[in-house]
Amino acid sequence: MTRKNYDEYEYLDTDLIYIYPDGQTLINKQGIKDSRDADQNEHFHVNRRLIELVLEPILVNDMKDVRKIHAHLFGDIYEWAGNYRRVNISKEGKPFMAMQSFGTGEEYLNSLLTSFLNTANEKADVIFHLARILDNLNYMHPFREGNGRCQREVIRVLALSKGYQLDIKVSADENIYHLYMDGTVHSRIDLLEQLIDQLLIKL
């Protein structure tokens, strides 16, 4: 299967809140302005932090814990790690949740998380709830960078809390990549349920 290309994200950041004046590279703690070097720097630090979370997960009860995960993953690189974005974002012409609606988005996601933790016990229920949490978390897209990596860790930890292994490794398998990307980009709950069903393993 040929890997499908997806459009780049679009940001409304005219005040340069997050980027250096060249408009290409996120402002980072290391002061790296070359985009390729900055990507490598981010990859190095985040992968190290992901390993730490495998060994000692941050349990997720509400969106405060989602923010803690993002801060843990990206805190070595960005001052704003763990804080909600202050710019609006779109992908393939589809806008993510406007930052002005984050209060409502946070409240709704907290309700989904509470419902999952309190009622999802059978495998079918776990799949049902996780697909909707993933879809809504992706639509909120709460952070300026690192939403995908953060949300995959959140879903992994939520599954773990119910006694399941769920590792969504988008780089390892073309089918998994397309299910995940088509499911999140196009808000296809059916594809996200199919993705989770394929990967969910009882521990």
C-alpha atoms as a PDB file:
ATOM      1  CA  MET A   1       0.000   0.000   0.000  1.00  0.00           C
ATOM      2  CA  THR A   2       1.317   3.432  -0.931  1.00  0.00           C
ATOM      3  CA  ARG A   3       1.429   5.819   1.990  1.00  0.00           C
ATOM      4  CA  LYS A   4      -1.040   8.650   1.448  1.00  0.00           C
ATOM      5  CA  ASN A   5       0.177  12.210   1.810  1.00  0.00           C
ATOM      6  CA  TYR A   6      -1.747  14.572   4.036  1.00  0.00           C
ATOM      7  CA  ASP A   7      -1.698  18.343   3.792  1.00  0.00           C
ATOM      8  CA  GLU A   8       0.437  20.325   6.190  1.00  0.00           C
ATOM      9  CA  TYR A   9      -1.073  22.077   9.178  1.00  0.00           C
ATOM     10  CA  GLU A  10      -1.945  25.729   8.870  1.00  0.00           C
ATOM     11  CA  TYR A  11      -1.467  28.116  11.795  1.00  0.00           C
ATOM     12  CA  LEU A  12      -2.666  31.628  12.457  1.00  0.00           C
ATOM     13  CA  ASP A  13       0.390  32.926  14.317  1.00  0.00           C
ATOM     14  CA  THR A  14       0.921  36.428  12.968  1.00  0.00           C
ATOM     15  CA  ASP A  15       2.312  37.590  16.308  1.00  0.00           C
ATOM     16  CA  LEU A  16       5.076  34.943  16.225  1.00  0.00           C
ATOM     17  CA  ILE A  17       4.062  33.523  19.590  1.00  0.00           C
ATOM     18  CA  TYR A  18       5.654  30.148  18.869  1.00  0.00           C
ATOM     19  CA  ILE A  19       8.008  30.518  15.909  1.00  0.00           C
ATOM     20  CA  TYR A  20      11.246  32.267  15.053  1.00  0.00           C
ATOM     21  CA  PRO A  21      10.940  35.135  12.551  1.00  0.00           C
ATOM     22  CA  ASP A  22      11.850  32.818   9.646  1.00  0.00           C
ATOM     23  CA  GLY A  23       8.394  31.282  10.129  1.00  0.00           C
ATOM     24  CA  GLN A  24       9.680  27.711   9.936  1.00  0.00           C
ATOM     25  CA  THR A  25      11.015  26.659  13.318  1.00  0.00           C
ATOM     26  CA  LEU A  26       9.362  26.524  16.719  1.00  0.00           C
ATOM     27  CA  ILE A  27      11.098  28.552  19.431  1.00  0.00           C
ATOM     28  CA  ASN A  28      12.886  26.001  21.589  1.00  0.00           C
ATOM     29  CA  LYS A  29      14.924  25.939  24.786  1.00  0.00           C
ATOM     30  CA  GLN A  30      18.033  24.873  22.890  1.00  0.00           C
ATOM     31  CA  GLY A  31      17.850  27.911  20.612  1.00  0.00           C
ATOM     32  CA  ILE A  32      17.997  25.761  17.469  1.00  0.00           C
ATOM     33  CA  LYS A  33      16.764  27.684  14.429  1.00  0.00           C
ATOM     34  CA  ASP A  34      17.468  25.205  11.640  1.00  0.00           C
ATOM     35  CA  SER A  35      14.234  23.264  11.097  1.00  0.00           C
ATOM     36  CA  ARG A  36      15.908  19.918  10.391  1.00  0.00           C
ATOM     37  CA  ASP A  37      18.138  20.162  13.457  1.00  0.00           C
ATOM     38  CA  ALA A  38      15.146  21.252  15.541  1.00  0.00           C
ATOM     39  CA  ASP A  39      13.163  18.204  14.408  1.00  0.00           C
ATOM     40  CA  GLN A  40      16.033  15.907  15.359  1.00  0.00           C
ATOM     41  CA  ASN A  41      16.347  17.615  18.728  1.00  0.00           C
ATOM     42  CA  GLU A  42      12.636  17.152  19.406  1.00  0.00           C
ATOM     43  CA  HIS A  43      12.734  13.513  18.282  1.00  0.00           C
ATOM     44  CA  PHE A  44      15.625  12.741  20.642  1.00  0.00           C
ATOM     45  CA  HIS A  45      14.066  14.290  23.738  1.00  0.00           C
ATOM     46  CA  VAL A  46      10.525  13.040  23.168  1.00  0.00           C
ATOM     47  CA  ASN A  47      11.577   9.440  22.506  1.00  0.00           C
ATOM     48  CA  ARG A  48      13.536   9.432  25.759  1.00  0.00           C
ATOM     49  CA  ARG A  49      10.511  10.741  27.639  1.00  0.00           C
ATOM     50  CA  LEU A  50       8.202   8.183  25.999  1.00  0.00           C
ATOM     51  CA  ILE A  51      10.410   5.395  27.341  1.00  0.00           C
ATOM     52  CA  GLU A  52      10.088   6.903  30.818  1.00  0.00           C
ATOM     53  CA  LEU A  53       6.297   6.843  30.520  1.00  0.00           C
ATOM     54  CA  VAL A  54       6.336   3.169  29.555  1.00  0.00           C
ATOM     55  CA  LEU A  55       8.201   2.478  32.785  1.00  0.00           C
ATOM     56  CA  GLU A  56       6.160   4.885  34.923  1.00  0.00           C
ATOM     57  CA  PRO A  57       2.908   5.985  33.237  1.00  0.00           C
ATOM     58  CA  ILE A  58       1.019   9.141  34.104  1.00  0.00           C
ATOM     59  CA  LEU A  59      -2.496   7.905  34.803  1.00  0.00           C
ATOM     60  CA  VAL A  60      -5.282   9.841  33.099  1.00  0.00           C
ATOM     61  CA  ASN A  61      -8.434  10.863  34.957  1.00  0.00           C
ATOM     62  CA  ASP A  62      -9.111  14.225  33.310  1.00  0.00           C
ATOM     63  CA  MET A  63      -7.598  16.817  31.004  1.00  0.00           C
ATOM     64  CA  LYS A  64      -5.206  18.002  33.701  1.00  0.00           C
ATOM     65  CA  ASP A  65      -3.464  14.652  33.336  1.00  0.00           C
ATOM     66  CA  VAL A  66      -3.385  15.011  29.535  1.00  0.00           C
ATOM     67  CA  ARG A  67      -1.588  18.306  30.066  1.00  0.00           C
ATOM     68  CA  LYS A  68       0.849  16.580  32.449  1.00  0.00           C
ATOM     69  CA  ILE A  69       1.671  14.002  29.769  1.00  0.00           C
ATOM     70  CA  HIS A  70       2.310  16.706  27.193  1.00  0.00           C
ATOM     71  CA  ALA A  71       4.488  18.627  29.662  1.00  0.00           C
ATOM     72  CA  HIS A  72       6.492  15.480  30.385  1.00  0.00           C
ATOM     73  CA  LEU A  73       7.025  14.695  26.703  1.00  0.00           C
ATOM     74  CA  PHE A  74       7.865  18.192  25.490  1.00  0.00           C
ATOM     75  CA  GLY A  75       9.057  20.066  28.580  1.00  0.00           C
ATOM     76  CA  ASP A  76      12.720  19.642  27.656  1.00  0.00           C
ATOM     77  CA  ILE A  77      12.119  21.541  24.422  1.00  0.00           C
ATOM     78  CA  TYR A  78       9.305  24.081  24.733  1.00  0.00           C
ATOM     79  CA  GLU A  79       8.476  26.594  27.453  1.00  0.00           C
ATOM     80  CA  TRP A  80       4.759  26.164  26.708  1.00  0.00           C
ATOM     81  CA  ALA A  81       4.693  22.373  27.049  1.00  0.00           C
ATOM     82  CA  GLY A  82       1.528  21.295  28.842  1.00  0.00           C
ATOM     83  CA  ASN A  83      -0.272  24.566  28.115  1.00  0.00           C
ATOM     84  CA  TYR A  84      -3.134  24.926  25.679  1.00  0.00           C
ATOM     85  CA  ARG A  85      -2.279  26.584  22.375  1.00  0.00           C
ATOM     86  CA  ARG A  86      -2.879  30.281  21.778  1.00  0.00           C
ATOM     87  CA  VAL A  87      -3.245  30.033  17.994  1.00  0.00           C
ATOM     88  CA  ASN A  88      -5.865  28.381  15.793  1.00  0.00           C
ATOM     89  CA  ILE A  89      -4.967  25.396  13.605  1.00  0.00           C
ATOM     90  CA  SER A  90      -6.419  23.686  10.533  1.00  0.00           C
ATOM     91  CA  LYS A  91      -5.454  20.658   8.409  1.00  0.00           C
ATOM     92  CA  GLU A  92      -6.622  19.822   4.878  1.00  0.00           C
ATOM     93  CA  GLY A  93      -8.928  22.833   5.096  1.00  0.00           C
ATOM     94  CA  LYS A  94     -10.590  21.481   8.242  1.00  0.00           C
ATOM     95  CA  PRO A  95     -10.265  23.714  11.316  1.00  0.00           C
ATOM     96  CA  PHE A  96      -9.621  22.139  14.675  1.00  0.00           C
ATOM     97  CA  MET A  97     -11.466  23.463  17.700  1.00  0.00           C
ATOM     98  CA  ALA A  98     -11.040  27.213  18.063  1.00  0.00           C
ATOM     99  CA  MET A  99      -8.978  28.054  21.122  1.00  0.00           C
ATOM    100  CA  GLN A 100     -11.854  30.272  22.270  1.00  0.00           C
ATOM    101  CA  SER A 101     -13.913  27.072  22.813  1.00  0.00           C
ATOM    102  CA  PHE A 102     -11.375  25.215  24.932  1.00  0.00           C
ATOM    103  CA  GLY A 103     -13.416  25.606  28.111  1.00  0.00           C
ATOM    104  CA  THR A 104     -16.316  23.723  26.554  1.00  0.00           C
ATOM    105  CA  GLY A 105     -13.974  21.210  24.901  1.00  0.00           C
ATOM    106  CA  GLU A 106     -12.219  20.448  28.169  1.00  0.00           C
ATOM    107  CA  GLU A 107     -15.527  19.958  29.973  1.00  0.00           C
ATOM    108  CA  TYR A 108     -16.790  17.550  27.302  1.00  0.00           C
ATOM    109  CA  LEU A 109     -13.582  15.522  27.212  1.00  0.00           C
ATOM    110  CA  ASN A 110     -13.605  15.271  30.997  1.00  0.00           C
ATOM    111  CA  SER A 111     -17.111  13.811  30.745  1.00  0.00           C
ATOM    112  CA  LEU A 112     -15.920  11.256  28.168  1.00  0.00           C
ATOM    113  CA  LEU A 113     -12.970  10.290  30.362  1.00  0.00           C
ATOM    114  CA  THR A 114     -15.194   9.908  33.428  1.00  0.00           C
ATOM    115  CA  SER A 115     -17.645   7.745  31.488  1.00  0.00           C
ATOM    116  CA  PHE A 116     -14.821   5.547  30.219  1.00  0.00           C
ATOM    117  CA  LEU A 117     -13.271   5.069  33.643  1.00  0.00           C
ATOM    118  CA  ASN A 118     -16.614   4.315  35.307  1.00  0.00           C
ATOM    119  CA  THR A 119     -18.418   2.202  32.706  1.00  0.00           C
ATOM    120  CA  ALA A 120     -16.031   0.676  30.129  1.00  0.00           C
ATOM    121  CA  ASN A 121     -15.315  -2.842  31.325  1.00  0.00           C
ATOM    122  CA  GLU A 122     -15.933  -5.199  28.416  1.00  0.00           C
ATOM    123  CA  LYS A 123     -13.668  -5.046  25.358  1.00  0.00           C
ATOM    124  CA  ALA A 124     -16.435  -3.682  23.125  1.00  0.00           C
ATOM    125  CA  ASP A 125     -17.073  -0.876  25.610  1.00  0.00           C
ATOM    126  CA  VAL A 126     -13.371  -0.038  25.826  1.00  0.00           C
ATOM    127  CA  ILE A 127     -13.170   0.213  22.019  1.00  0.00           C
ATOM    128  CA  PHE A 128     -16.348   2.312  21.851  1.00  0.00           C
ATOM    129  CA  HIS A 129     -15.155   4.838  24.429  1.00  0.00           C
ATOM    130  CA  LEU A 130     -11.515   5.047  23.341  1.00  0.00           C
ATOM    131  CA  ALA A 131     -12.462   5.780  19.734  1.00  0.00           C
ATOM    132  CA  ARG A 132     -14.606   8.713  20.840  1.00  0.00           C
ATOM    133  CA  ILE A 133     -12.014  10.027  23.278  1.00  0.00           C
ATOM    134  CA  LEU A 134      -9.373   9.876  20.539  1.00  0.00           C
ATOM    135  CA  ASP A 135     -11.643  11.594  18.027  1.00  0.00           C
ATOM    136  CA  ASN A 136     -12.575  14.423  20.383  1.00  0.00           C
ATOM    137  CA  LEU A 137      -9.070  14.884  21.731  1.00  0.00           C
ATOM    138  CA  ASN A 138      -7.780  15.106  18.182  1.00  0.00           C
ATOM    139  CA  TYR A 139     -10.482  17.635  17.267  1.00  0.00           C
ATOM    140  CA  MET A 140      -9.656  19.786  20.285  1.00  0.00           C
ATOM    141  CA  HIS A 141      -5.969  19.600  19.299  1.00  0.00           C
ATOM    142  CA  PRO A 142      -5.083  21.378  22.523  1.00  0.00           C
ATOM    143  CA  PHE A 143      -1.366  21.960  21.973  1.00  0.00           C
ATOM    144  CA  ARG A 144       0.663  23.917  19.433  1.00  0.00           C
ATOM    145  CA  GLU A 145       2.807  20.866  18.666  1.00  0.00           C
ATOM    146  CA  GLY A 146       2.881  17.215  19.688  1.00  0.00           C
ATOM    147  CA  ASN A 147      -0.848  16.473  19.727  1.00  0.00           C
ATOM    148  CA  GLY A 148      -0.528  13.112  17.966  1.00  0.00           C
ATOM    149  CA  ARG A 149       2.200  11.768  20.211  1.00  0.00           C
ATOM    150  CA  CYS A 150       0.432  13.009  23.316  1.00  0.00           C
ATOM    151  CA  GLN A 151      -2.976  11.580  22.358  1.00  0.00           C
ATOM    152  CA  ARG A 152      -1.498   8.187  21.474  1.00  0.00           C
ATOM    153  CA  GLU A 153       0.117   8.046  24.926  1.00  0.00           C
ATOM    154  CA  VAL A 154      -3.184   9.073  26.549  1.00  0.00           C
ATOM    155  CA  ILE A 155      -5.039   6.299  24.726  1.00  0.00           C
ATOM    156  CA  ARG A 156      -2.314   3.798  25.625  1.00  0.00           C
ATOM    157  CA  VAL A 157      -2.567   4.653  29.328  1.00  0.00           C
ATOM    158  CA  LEU A 158      -6.359   4.576  29.332  1.00  0.00           C
ATOM    159  CA  ALA A 159      -6.323   1.103  27.786  1.00  0.00           C
ATOM    160  CA  LEU A 160      -3.719   0.037  30.336  1.00  0.00           C
ATOM    161  CA  SER A 161      -6.036   1.151  33.151  1.00  0.00           C
ATOM    162  CA  LYS A 162      -8.547  -1.434  31.876  1.00  0.00           C
ATOM    163  CA  GLY A 163      -5.992  -4.214  31.557  1.00  0.00           C
ATOM    164  CA  TYR A 164      -5.160  -3.871  27.858  1.00  0.00           C
ATOM    165  CA  GLN A 165      -2.083  -3.135  25.785  1.00  0.00           C
ATOM    166  CA  LEU A 166      -2.672  -0.601  23.015  1.00  0.00           C
ATOM    167  CA  ASP A 167       0.344   0.739  21.132  1.00  0.00           C
ATOM    168  CA  ILE A 168      -0.570   2.823  18.075  1.00  0.00           C
ATOM    169  CA  LYS A 169       2.721   2.852  16.150  1.00  0.00           C
ATOM    170  CA  VAL A 170       1.919   4.826  13.031  1.00  0.00           C
ATOM    171  CA  SER A 171       5.410   4.479  11.557  1.00  0.00           C
ATOM    172  CA  ALA A 172       5.539   0.687  11.741  1.00  0.00           C
ATOM    173  CA  ASP A 173       2.602  -0.392   9.584  1.00  0.00           C
ATOM    174  CA  GLU A 174       0.959   1.192   6.524  1.00  0.00           C
ATOM    175  CA  ASN A 175      -2.506  -0.096   7.376  1.00  0.00           C
ATOM    176  CA  ILE A 176      -2.285   1.238  10.926  1.00  0.00           C
ATOM    177  CA  TYR A 177      -0.983   4.563   9.618  1.00  0.00           C
ATOM    178  CA  HIS A 178      -3.915   5.027   7.233  1.00  0.00           C
ATOM    179  CA  LEU A 179      -6.543   3.925   9.739  1.00  0.00           C
ATOM    180  CA  TYR A 180      -5.156   6.351  12.287  1.00  0.00           C
ATOM    181  CA  MET A 181      -4.690   9.271   9.897  1.00  0.00           C
ATOM    182  CA  ASP A 182      -7.978   8.857   8.023  1.00  0.00           C
ATOM    183  CA  GLY A 183      -9.775   8.280  11.302  1.00  0.00           C
ATOM    184  CA  THR A 184      -8.387  11.370  13.010  1.00  0.00           C
ATOM    185  CA  VAL A 185      -8.144  13.776  10.067  1.00  0.00           C
ATOM    186  CA  HIS A 186     -11.650  12.977   8.787  1.00  0.00           C
ATOM    187  CA  SER A 187     -13.234  12.248  12.171  1.00  0.00           C
ATOM    188  CA  ARG A 188     -14.144   8.686  11.152  1.00  0.00           C
ATOM    189  CA  ILE A 189     -15.197   6.953  14.358  1.00  0.00           C
ATOM    190  CA  ASP A 190     -15.682   3.688  12.470  1.00  0.00           C
ATOM    191  CA  LEU A 191     -12.037   3.684  11.362  1.00  0.00           C
ATOM    192  CA  LEU A 192     -10.818   4.527  14.854  1.00  0.00           C
ATOM    193  CA  GLU A 193     -12.871   1.647  16.275  1.00  0.00           C
ATOM    194  CA  GLN A 194     -11.371  -0.653  13.643  1.00  0.00           C
ATOM    195  CA  LEU A 195      -7.875   0.590  14.509  1.00  0.00           C
ATOM    196  CA  ILE A 196      -8.307   0.047  18.237  1.00  0.00           C
ATOM    197  CA  ASP A 197      -9.964  -3.344  17.762  1.00  0.00           C
ATOM    198  CA  GLN A 198      -6.968  -4.524  15.706  1.00  0.00           C
ATOM    199  CA  LEU A 199      -4.406  -3.393  18.278  1.00  0.00           C
ATOM    200  CA  LEU A 200      -6.083  -3.990  21.645  1.00  0.00           C
ATOM    201  CA  ILE A 201      -4.481  -6.902  23.503  1.00  0.00           C
ATOM    202  CA  LYS A 202      -5.644  -8.238  26.878  1.00  0.00           C
ATOM    203  CA  LEU A 203      -2.830  -8.323  29.420  1.00  0.00           C
END
